[in-house]
Protein backbone atom coordinates (compact mmCIF):
# COMPACT_ATOMS: atom_id res chain seq x y z
CA MET A 1 48.11 77.38 -20.04
CA PRO A 2 50.22 79.97 -21.89
CA ALA A 3 50.03 83.07 -19.34
CA ILE A 4 47.62 86.10 -20.96
CA LYS A 5 50.60 88.63 -20.70
CA LEU A 6 53.93 87.93 -20.25
CA LYS A 7 55.80 89.77 -17.60
CA LYS A 8 58.68 90.72 -19.48
CA ALA A 9 57.52 90.32 -23.13
CA PRO A 10 59.60 91.39 -25.73
CA LEU A 11 56.68 92.74 -27.80
CA LYS A 12 57.48 95.98 -29.32
CA GLU A 13 54.66 96.42 -31.56
CA ALA A 14 51.38 94.61 -32.58
CA ILE A 15 50.24 95.89 -36.19
CA PHE A 16 46.72 95.02 -37.54
CA GLU A 17 45.83 96.43 -41.32
CA VAL A 18 43.01 95.81 -43.24
CA PHE A 19 42.87 97.15 -46.90
CA TRP A 20 40.60 98.01 -49.52
CA GLN A 21 40.18 98.54 -53.51
CA LEU A 22 40.71 101.98 -54.75
CA PRO A 23 39.09 102.95 -57.75
CA LEU A 24 41.33 104.70 -60.62
CA ASP A 25 41.10 108.13 -61.65
CA MET A 26 41.48 109.79 -65.11
CA THR A 27 45.64 109.17 -64.97
CA ASN A 28 44.93 105.34 -64.20
CA PHE A 29 46.24 106.11 -60.06
CA PRO A 30 44.10 105.07 -57.18
CA THR A 31 41.65 107.27 -55.40
CA ASP A 32 39.00 107.44 -52.62
CA PRO A 33 36.67 110.36 -53.78
CA ASP A 34 34.82 109.09 -50.66
CA PHE A 35 37.68 109.34 -48.06
CA ASP A 36 37.58 113.25 -46.90
CA LEU A 37 33.82 112.65 -45.94
CA ALA A 38 34.26 109.42 -44.22
CA LEU A 39 37.71 111.00 -42.68
CA GLY A 40 35.23 113.19 -40.56
CA LYS A 41 32.74 110.69 -39.56
CA PHE A 42 35.59 108.35 -38.43
CA GLN A 43 37.26 111.37 -36.17
CA ASP A 44 33.72 112.38 -35.19
CA ILE A 45 33.10 108.47 -34.36
CA LEU A 46 36.26 107.82 -32.49
CA SER A 47 36.15 110.95 -30.69
CA ASN A 48 35.59 109.68 -26.79
CA GLU A 49 37.83 107.20 -26.77
CA PHE A 50 41.05 108.09 -29.22
CA PRO A 51 40.68 111.98 -28.91
CA VAL A 52 44.16 113.02 -30.38
CA ASN A 53 43.88 113.33 -34.32
CA LYS A 54 47.12 114.20 -36.21
CA SER A 55 47.93 114.19 -39.50
CA LEU A 56 50.55 112.59 -41.76
CA GLU A 57 50.16 114.55 -44.54
CA ILE A 58 53.24 116.79 -45.33
CA ALA A 59 51.85 120.51 -46.30
CA GLY A 60 52.55 121.56 -50.20
CA ASN A 61 53.35 117.93 -51.05
CA SER A 62 51.74 116.27 -54.17
CA PHE A 63 53.41 113.04 -54.21
CA ARG A 64 51.08 110.28 -53.34
CA ILE A 65 51.33 106.86 -52.16
CA PHE A 66 48.34 105.02 -51.87
CA PRO A 67 47.77 102.60 -49.60
CA LYS A 68 49.50 104.96 -46.83
CA PRO A 69 48.28 106.01 -43.59
CA SER A 70 47.69 109.82 -43.50
CA TRP A 71 45.67 110.32 -40.17
CA GLN A 72 46.11 109.10 -36.43
CA PHE A 73 44.14 108.97 -33.86
CA TRP A 74 45.89 108.08 -30.46
CA LYS A 75 44.39 107.69 -27.18
CA GLY A 76 46.38 110.49 -25.45
CA GLU A 77 49.07 112.91 -26.80
CA LEU A 78 51.65 110.08 -27.88
CA GLU A 79 49.72 107.84 -25.66
CA TRP A 80 49.25 103.88 -27.40
CA PRO A 81 47.02 102.42 -28.82
CA VAL A 82 46.80 104.59 -32.20
CA ILE A 83 44.73 103.85 -34.98
CA GLN A 84 45.41 104.90 -38.19
CA LEU A 85 43.52 105.95 -41.45
CA GLY A 86 44.31 106.89 -45.00
CA HIS A 87 43.04 105.73 -48.61
CA GLY A 88 42.60 102.25 -48.71
CA ILE A 89 44.19 101.48 -45.54
CA LEU A 90 43.01 101.46 -41.67
CA ALA A 91 45.79 100.06 -39.38
CA VAL A 92 45.59 99.92 -35.17
CA ASN A 93 49.13 99.43 -33.54
CA ASP A 94 50.07 99.08 -29.70
CA THR A 95 52.94 98.36 -27.93
CA ASP A 96 53.04 95.87 -25.06
CA LYS A 97 52.35 98.33 -22.06
CA ASN A 98 48.87 98.15 -23.45
CA TYR A 99 48.88 94.86 -25.18
CA ILE A 100 46.10 92.08 -23.93
CA TRP A 101 44.75 90.25 -27.20
CA GLU A 102 41.20 89.80 -25.72
CA ASN A 103 41.01 92.80 -23.31
CA THR A 104 42.77 95.70 -25.38
CA TYR A 105 43.86 94.94 -28.82
CA ARG A 106 40.97 92.64 -30.36
CA PRO A 107 38.42 95.29 -29.11
CA ASN A 108 40.37 98.33 -30.64
CA ILE A 109 40.11 96.40 -33.74
CA VAL A 110 36.65 95.33 -33.36
CA ILE A 111 36.30 99.73 -32.78
CA ALA A 112 38.40 100.57 -35.75
CA ILE A 113 36.61 98.54 -38.25
CA ASN A 114 33.13 99.58 -36.70
CA ALA A 115 34.20 103.33 -37.37
CA LEU A 116 35.33 102.69 -40.83
CA LEU A 117 32.22 101.15 -42.02
CA LYS A 118 29.76 103.70 -40.16
CA ALA A 119 32.15 106.46 -41.78
CA TYR A 120 32.08 105.45 -45.35
CA LYS A 121 28.58 105.91 -47.11
CA ARG A 122 29.58 102.99 -49.86
CA GLN A 123 31.10 99.85 -47.62
CA PRO A 124 35.07 99.47 -48.85
CA LYS A 125 35.35 96.58 -51.16
CA PHE A 126 37.92 94.82 -48.51
CA ASN A 127 40.71 92.97 -50.42
CA ARG A 128 43.74 92.17 -47.95
CA SER A 129 44.46 91.83 -44.02
CA LYS A 130 48.12 91.52 -42.03
CA LEU A 131 49.16 91.13 -38.78
CA THR A 132 52.25 91.95 -37.34
CA TYR A 133 54.24 91.19 -34.13
CA ILE A 134 57.39 92.66 -33.84
CA ASN A 135 59.52 91.28 -30.84
CA ALA A 136 63.25 92.59 -29.79
CA ILE A 137 65.54 91.43 -27.00
CA GLU A 138 69.20 93.17 -26.35
CA TYR A 139 72.24 90.68 -26.72
CA ASN A 140 75.85 91.40 -26.23
CA PRO A 141 78.05 91.71 -29.43
CA GLN A 142 80.88 91.32 -27.53
CA GLU A 143 79.55 87.69 -25.94
CA GLN A 144 78.10 86.37 -29.21
CA THR A 145 77.63 86.72 -32.90
CA PRO A 146 74.22 87.36 -33.86
CA LEU A 147 73.49 83.77 -34.95
CA GLN A 148 75.00 82.62 -31.79
CA PHE A 149 72.09 84.39 -29.90
CA VAL A 150 69.18 82.95 -32.58
CA SER A 151 71.04 79.59 -32.58
CA GLU A 152 70.92 79.30 -28.69
CA ASN A 153 67.30 80.65 -28.35
CA LEU A 154 65.37 80.82 -31.31
CA LYS A 155 65.89 77.49 -32.63
CA THR A 156 67.25 78.88 -35.87
CA THR A 157 70.41 77.92 -37.59
CA ILE A 158 72.13 78.82 -40.86
CA HIS A 159 74.44 75.75 -42.43
CA THR A 160 76.91 76.90 -45.02
CA GLU A 161 79.19 74.58 -46.71
CA TYR A 162 82.09 76.64 -47.11
CA ASN A 163 84.61 78.40 -44.39
CA VAL A 164 83.16 81.72 -43.26
CA PRO A 165 85.90 84.70 -43.89
CA GLY A 166 85.58 86.58 -40.79
CA LEU A 167 83.86 87.20 -37.59
CA GLU A 168 79.93 87.25 -38.53
CA ASN A 169 78.77 90.79 -37.03
CA ASN A 170 75.03 91.20 -38.80
CA LEU A 171 72.23 88.46 -39.37
CA LEU A 172 68.87 88.79 -41.96
CA LEU A 173 67.18 85.76 -42.40
CA ASN A 174 63.21 86.18 -44.19
CA ARG A 175 61.68 82.98 -44.86
CA ALA A 176 57.58 82.69 -45.83
CA PHE A 177 55.30 79.76 -46.09
CA ASP A 178 51.78 79.61 -47.63
CA MET A 179 49.43 78.66 -45.49
CA ASN A 180 45.79 78.32 -47.69
CA GLU A 181 42.84 79.30 -45.16
CA ILE A 182 45.53 81.83 -43.75
CA GLY A 183 47.45 83.12 -45.45
CA LEU A 184 51.18 84.20 -46.06
CA VAL A 185 53.29 83.68 -43.53
CA GLN A 186 56.26 86.10 -42.88
CA ILE A 187 59.25 85.19 -40.48
CA ASN A 188 61.87 87.88 -39.94
CA ILE A 189 64.97 87.12 -38.03
CA GLN A 190 67.70 90.59 -38.01
CA ASN A 191 70.26 92.39 -35.39
CA GLY A 192 69.69 95.68 -35.25
CA ILE A 193 69.79 98.46 -32.53
CA ASN A 194 66.83 99.40 -30.15
CA ASN A 195 65.43 102.64 -30.70
CA ALA A 196 64.37 103.36 -27.20
CA ASN A 197 68.00 102.94 -25.69
CA MET A 198 70.26 102.48 -29.03
CA ARG A 199 71.52 98.84 -27.78
CA PRO A 200 72.18 96.04 -29.83
CA SER A 201 69.03 93.80 -30.20
CA ILE A 202 67.99 90.42 -31.96
CA ILE A 203 64.92 91.77 -33.68
CA TRP A 204 62.23 88.58 -35.17
CA THR A 205 58.76 89.67 -36.76
CA ILE A 206 55.90 87.44 -37.34
CA ALA A 207 53.48 88.30 -39.78
CA VAL A 208 50.46 86.71 -41.29
CA GLU A 209 48.83 88.16 -44.79
CA ARG A 210 46.08 87.06 -46.39
CA SER A 211 44.58 88.25 -49.74
CA THR A 212 41.04 87.67 -50.50
CA ASN A 213 37.58 89.54 -50.97
CA PHE A 214 36.64 89.87 -47.50
CA THR A 215 32.73 90.66 -47.84
CA THR A 216 31.53 90.73 -44.55
CA ARG A 217 32.96 92.41 -40.60
CA GLU A 218 32.53 89.26 -39.87
CA GLU A 219 34.96 87.53 -42.10
CA ILE A 220 38.22 89.81 -41.34
CA LEU A 221 37.57 89.19 -37.65
CA ASP A 222 37.47 85.40 -37.82
CA TRP A 223 40.68 85.63 -39.84
CA VAL A 224 42.13 88.25 -37.58
CA ASP A 225 41.40 85.56 -34.75
CA ARG A 226 42.63 82.49 -36.60
CA ALA A 227 46.03 84.79 -37.68
CA HIS A 228 46.30 85.88 -33.77
CA THR A 229 45.65 82.19 -32.72
CA PHE A 230 48.74 80.89 -35.22
CA THR A 231 50.86 83.88 -34.22
CA HIS A 232 50.61 83.26 -30.74
CA ASP A 233 51.31 79.25 -31.30
CA PHE A 234 54.00 80.12 -33.57
CA PHE A 235 56.02 82.71 -31.41
CA VAL A 236 55.97 79.94 -28.64
CA LYS A 237 57.19 76.89 -31.02
CA MET A 238 60.10 78.85 -32.13
CA LEU A 239 62.24 79.70 -28.96
CA LYS A 240 63.94 77.28 -27.07
CA PRO A 241 61.92 77.05 -23.57
CA GLU A 242 64.49 78.40 -21.18
CA PHE A 243 64.04 81.24 -23.31
CA TYR A 244 60.67 81.52 -23.36
CA GLU A 245 60.25 80.83 -19.79
CA SER A 246 62.75 83.63 -19.01
CA PHE A 247 60.00 86.17 -20.23
CA GLU A 248 57.81 85.19 -17.58
CA ARG A 249 59.84 85.62 -14.42
């Protein structure tokens, strides 16, 4: 059985998002007339477990982008996890430091959804949900190209029938798959810089997104459970066994 939590997990951030349909105003722009009232209730419901509130809105900025989080609710002062709320969107973000699906992350998703449903007098018409895992591992570009590292560790190769013009220094690979009831699976592999220490890293993202009408809380949670099972299994399958084992040592 896989460990509940890898000792040296490459997880940088887990992101759950659920979206709902917004009515259009007189200018045909999405609007959420219940948001301000719901925000106050939402803040009050979360006050014990997520007491630190931060607005993401810029004073004097009239430019609107929906759906986009406009408020954050932190466990402590910039202490993960964080719940985010905006017009038409609810998100739950966490990092590897706290992440355990059964013990911490899924319960926080439940807390966030329950708070949302209590805050809105009229239940939002949920129409999309997404679960994303961002992973990263450092590598030495003086010893390996990004593709060499990915080929050796992530069971991914790129074959071209032409001679490359020079030494590869950049990699960006996107793939997407339709999986019926689970939804759209999106895989992204690229090299970049780890913002925490500014070191070169290979970053790979696994995301599952489903666009459908979720009519109940249970439907959302059932989907996110299946999405988590898929992403966990896929994470293990896409790694070479010795590479995966390195996260357990």
